[in-house]
Amino acid sequence: LSNTNPPDISFPEYNNKDISENPSTKDSQAETAGNTDNTDESNNLDKNDSEPAENDGSQASEETGQDEPKKLEAFDFTVYDKEGQQVQLSEFFGKPIIVNFWATWCPYCIDEMPLFEENFNKYKDDIHFLMVDSVDGQRETKEKGEKFIKDKGYTFPVYFDLDLDATYTYQAYSLPTTLFIDKDGYLIAYHPGMLNEDLLKKGIELILE
């Protein structure tokens, strides 16, 4: 999340492409469902251990002499609220958004949740928080997620990725993964792995600018 450092990871295959060209398909779900292993040390994409990646829509335009590329629009997805109603990411555009992918079996997800609860209570009037439970139907179920949230007494909004639409759209194969989206619906930064207080604060500052 630094304006001076290059991104740790990015979604280069998404640039200037339609969401329908997302390489993740329903055919691949059988291979990956239930195998979203949590690790801060490895991912299918290269990353830095300490800094989340940022997509600020800028390149070395001075070297190329070309105009800066357009910012990356956040790809829409559909998840479900606790009543089972479909909810789309785009419904929240107009206010900055933080999307956190998690599951009850993921220890790093559990460890960072108090930090999200604290910041939700601090910024809930300024930022939409979408805590997306990545439900694979095997290790993670809606019932497990609901019980966990109730037992812990968390008050942030929780949504359930029952079709793994959000998980596959953003290739959130390693949990936790967090997205930072500005009020206009552009993906500003994202981080695969557990966030600490400083990184979450920096991501919040970027989308509130």
Protein backbone atom coordinates (compact mmCIF):
# COMPACT_ATOMS: atom_id res chain seq x y z
CA LEU A 1 0.00 0.00 0.00
CA SER A 2 2.83 2.34 -0.75
CA ASN A 3 2.79 4.92 -3.51
CA THR A 4 6.56 4.65 -3.86
CA ASN A 5 6.91 0.88 -3.97
CA PRO A 6 5.81 -1.32 -6.87
CA PRO A 7 2.80 -3.58 -6.29
CA ASP A 8 3.56 -6.86 -4.58
CA ILE A 9 0.93 -8.67 -6.61
CA SER A 10 -1.59 -7.60 -9.22
CA PHE A 11 -4.24 -9.00 -11.51
CA PRO A 12 -2.53 -8.35 -14.85
CA GLU A 13 -4.75 -10.82 -16.66
CA TYR A 14 -7.74 -8.65 -15.78
CA ASN A 15 -6.46 -5.38 -17.22
CA ASN A 16 -8.63 -4.11 -20.07
CA LYS A 17 -10.62 -7.34 -20.11
CA ASP A 18 -14.22 -8.14 -19.47
CA ILE A 19 -15.08 -10.02 -16.30
CA SER A 20 -16.23 -12.92 -18.46
CA GLU A 21 -12.58 -13.52 -19.33
CA ASN A 22 -11.77 -14.35 -15.73
CA PRO A 23 -9.64 -17.51 -16.01
CA SER A 24 -11.41 -19.06 -13.01
CA THR A 25 -14.39 -21.07 -14.16
CA LYS A 26 -16.95 -23.40 -12.68
CA ASP A 27 -14.93 -26.28 -14.13
CA SER A 28 -12.01 -25.35 -11.91
CA GLN A 29 -14.07 -25.16 -8.76
CA ALA A 30 -13.92 -28.91 -8.23
CA GLU A 31 -10.15 -28.64 -7.98
CA THR A 32 -10.01 -25.65 -5.65
CA ALA A 33 -13.16 -25.84 -3.50
CA GLY A 34 -12.16 -26.84 0.00
CA ASN A 35 -8.52 -26.20 -0.79
CA THR A 36 -8.21 -22.47 -0.15
CA ASP A 37 -5.23 -23.10 2.11
CA ASN A 38 -4.30 -20.24 4.39
CA THR A 39 -0.72 -19.07 4.18
CA ASP A 40 1.12 -15.80 4.52
CA GLU A 41 4.25 -17.38 3.12
CA SER A 42 3.04 -18.64 -0.23
CA ASN A 43 0.41 -17.85 -2.85
CA ASN A 44 -0.21 -18.62 -6.47
CA LEU A 45 0.94 -15.07 -7.07
CA ASP A 46 4.22 -13.57 -5.89
CA LYS A 47 3.96 -11.10 -3.02
CA ASN A 48 5.93 -9.20 -0.42
CA ASP A 49 5.64 -10.43 3.17
CA SER A 50 4.98 -7.03 4.71
CA GLU A 51 3.28 -4.71 2.26
CA PRO A 52 -0.11 -5.15 0.63
CA ALA A 53 -0.31 -4.48 -3.07
CA GLU A 54 -1.70 -1.31 -4.50
CA ASN A 55 -3.38 -0.62 -7.80
CA ASP A 56 -3.18 3.15 -8.14
CA GLY A 57 -3.69 3.11 -11.89
CA SER A 58 -0.29 4.59 -12.61
CA GLN A 59 2.72 3.45 -14.63
CA ALA A 60 6.01 4.98 -15.60
CA SER A 61 4.37 7.24 -18.13
CA GLU A 62 7.46 9.45 -18.30
CA GLU A 63 9.43 6.54 -19.72
CA THR A 64 6.81 5.44 -22.22
CA GLY A 65 5.51 8.84 -23.17
CA GLN A 66 1.99 7.40 -23.04
CA ASP A 67 -1.00 8.49 -21.02
CA GLU A 68 -1.53 6.80 -17.69
CA PRO A 69 -3.76 3.72 -17.99
CA LYS A 70 -7.26 3.81 -16.61
CA LYS A 71 -7.80 2.71 -13.05
CA LEU A 72 -9.01 -0.84 -12.57
CA GLU A 73 -12.72 -1.04 -11.96
CA ALA A 74 -13.69 -3.47 -9.22
CA PHE A 75 -15.30 -6.58 -10.66
CA ASP A 76 -18.81 -7.21 -9.46
CA PHE A 77 -19.82 -10.36 -7.61
CA THR A 78 -22.84 -11.83 -5.87
CA VAL A 79 -22.91 -13.05 -2.29
CA TYR A 80 -25.74 -13.74 0.17
CA ASP A 81 -26.78 -12.05 3.39
CA LYS A 82 -27.84 -13.97 6.48
CA GLU A 83 -31.44 -14.07 5.23
CA GLY A 84 -30.29 -15.75 2.02
CA GLN A 85 -30.93 -12.69 -0.18
CA GLN A 86 -28.52 -12.02 -3.02
CA VAL A 87 -26.29 -8.97 -2.61
CA GLN A 88 -23.99 -7.52 -5.26
CA LEU A 89 -20.77 -5.63 -4.62
CA SER A 90 -21.91 -2.84 -6.96
CA GLU A 91 -24.82 -2.06 -4.64
CA PHE A 92 -22.30 -0.53 -2.24
CA PHE A 93 -20.61 1.80 -4.74
CA GLY A 94 -20.88 5.45 -3.70
CA LYS A 95 -18.95 4.89 -0.47
CA PRO A 96 -15.51 3.30 0.02
CA ILE A 97 -15.58 -0.46 0.56
CA ILE A 98 -13.42 -2.97 2.39
CA VAL A 99 -13.97 -6.59 1.41
CA ASN A 100 -12.40 -9.26 3.60
CA PHE A 101 -12.44 -12.93 2.58
CA TRP A 102 -12.35 -15.28 5.57
CA ALA A 103 -13.37 -18.68 6.93
CA THR A 104 -13.71 -20.19 10.38
CA TRP A 105 -10.97 -22.77 9.72
CA CYS A 106 -8.45 -20.02 8.93
CA PRO A 107 -6.46 -19.01 12.06
CA TYR A 108 -5.10 -15.80 10.52
CA CYS A 109 -8.64 -14.76 9.59
CA ILE A 110 -9.71 -15.27 13.18
CA ASP A 111 -6.71 -13.35 14.52
CA GLU A 112 -7.40 -10.23 12.45
CA MET A 113 -11.15 -10.08 13.10
CA PRO A 114 -10.93 -7.98 16.30
CA LEU A 115 -9.05 -5.39 14.23
CA PHE A 116 -11.84 -5.32 11.65
CA GLU A 117 -14.46 -5.06 14.38
CA GLU A 118 -12.63 -2.12 15.92
CA ASN A 119 -12.32 -0.29 12.61
CA PHE A 120 -15.89 -1.10 11.59
CA ASN A 121 -17.13 0.64 14.73
CA LYS A 122 -14.83 3.57 13.98
CA TYR A 123 -15.54 3.97 10.25
CA LYS A 124 -18.96 2.39 9.67
CA ASP A 125 -20.45 5.76 8.68
CA ASP A 126 -17.72 6.33 6.08
CA ILE A 127 -16.86 2.85 4.78
CA HIS A 128 -18.84 -0.23 3.84
CA PHE A 129 -17.36 -3.35 5.43
CA LEU A 130 -18.13 -6.65 3.67
CA MET A 131 -16.85 -9.61 5.63
CA VAL A 132 -17.24 -12.40 3.07
CA ASP A 133 -17.27 -15.95 4.40
CA SER A 134 -15.78 -18.18 1.69
CA VAL A 135 -18.17 -21.13 1.89
CA ASP A 136 -16.90 -24.23 0.11
CA GLY A 137 -19.49 -26.58 1.59
CA GLN A 138 -16.77 -28.79 3.03
CA ARG A 139 -14.49 -27.16 5.55
CA GLU A 140 -16.71 -24.06 5.64
CA THR A 141 -20.49 -23.84 5.77
CA LYS A 142 -22.91 -20.97 6.30
CA GLU A 143 -23.96 -22.51 9.60
CA LYS A 144 -20.36 -22.61 10.88
CA GLY A 145 -19.84 -18.99 9.88
CA GLU A 146 -23.06 -17.78 11.49
CA LYS A 147 -22.35 -19.61 14.74
CA PHE A 148 -18.81 -18.24 14.91
CA ILE A 149 -19.93 -14.63 14.42
CA LYS A 150 -22.72 -15.00 16.95
CA ASP A 151 -20.48 -16.63 19.56
CA LYS A 152 -17.85 -13.90 19.19
CA GLY A 153 -20.38 -11.09 19.22
CA TYR A 154 -19.03 -9.36 16.11
CA THR A 155 -21.24 -6.62 14.69
CA PHE A 156 -19.67 -6.00 11.27
CA PRO A 157 -21.78 -7.05 8.24
CA VAL A 158 -21.19 -10.65 7.17
CA TYR A 159 -22.00 -12.11 3.76
CA PHE A 160 -21.74 -15.68 2.53
CA ASP A 161 -20.05 -16.64 -0.72
CA LEU A 162 -22.24 -19.69 -1.24
CA ASP A 163 -21.48 -19.95 -4.96
CA LEU A 164 -17.81 -18.95 -4.50
CA ASP A 165 -18.51 -16.19 -7.03
CA ALA A 166 -16.58 -13.54 -5.09
CA THR A 167 -13.76 -15.92 -4.19
CA TYR A 168 -13.14 -16.94 -7.79
CA THR A 169 -13.65 -13.46 -9.20
CA TYR A 170 -10.81 -12.11 -7.07
CA GLN A 171 -8.78 -15.32 -6.96
CA ALA A 172 -8.93 -15.26 -3.16
CA TYR A 173 -7.56 -18.78 -2.93
CA SER A 174 -5.37 -17.93 0.08
CA LEU A 175 -7.20 -16.66 3.13
CA PRO A 176 -7.47 -14.06 4.45
CA THR A 177 -7.51 -11.66 1.51
CA THR A 178 -8.62 -8.04 1.75
CA LEU A 179 -9.69 -5.59 -0.97
CA PHE A 180 -9.80 -1.80 -0.71
CA ILE A 181 -12.23 -0.16 -3.14
CA ASP A 182 -12.87 3.57 -3.46
CA LYS A 183 -16.28 5.25 -3.54
CA ASP A 184 -16.30 5.25 -7.34
CA GLY A 185 -15.90 1.48 -7.53
CA TYR A 186 -12.19 1.27 -8.37
CA LEU A 187 -9.94 -1.34 -6.82
CA ILE A 188 -7.25 0.72 -5.10
CA ALA A 189 -5.33 -1.86 -3.10
CA TYR A 190 -5.49 -5.44 -1.91
CA HIS A 191 -3.58 -7.75 0.39
CA PRO A 192 -3.41 -11.54 0.53
CA GLY A 193 -2.60 -12.56 4.07
CA MET A 194 -3.20 -11.25 7.56
CA LEU A 195 -3.34 -7.49 8.02
CA ASN A 196 -1.80 -5.70 10.96
CA GLU A 197 -3.01 -2.41 12.35
CA ASP A 198 -0.65 -0.25 10.28
CA LEU A 199 -1.51 -1.91 6.97
CA LEU A 200 -5.24 -1.72 7.58
CA LYS A 201 -4.90 1.93 8.53
CA LYS A 202 -2.95 2.64 5.35
CA GLY A 203 -5.56 0.89 3.21
CA ILE A 204 -8.31 2.91 4.86
CA GLU A 205 -6.44 6.14 4.26
CA LEU A 206 -6.07 5.31 0.57
CA ILE A 207 -9.79 4.81 -0.03
CA LEU A 208 -10.81 7.82 2.05
CA GLU A 209 -8.59 10.20 0.06
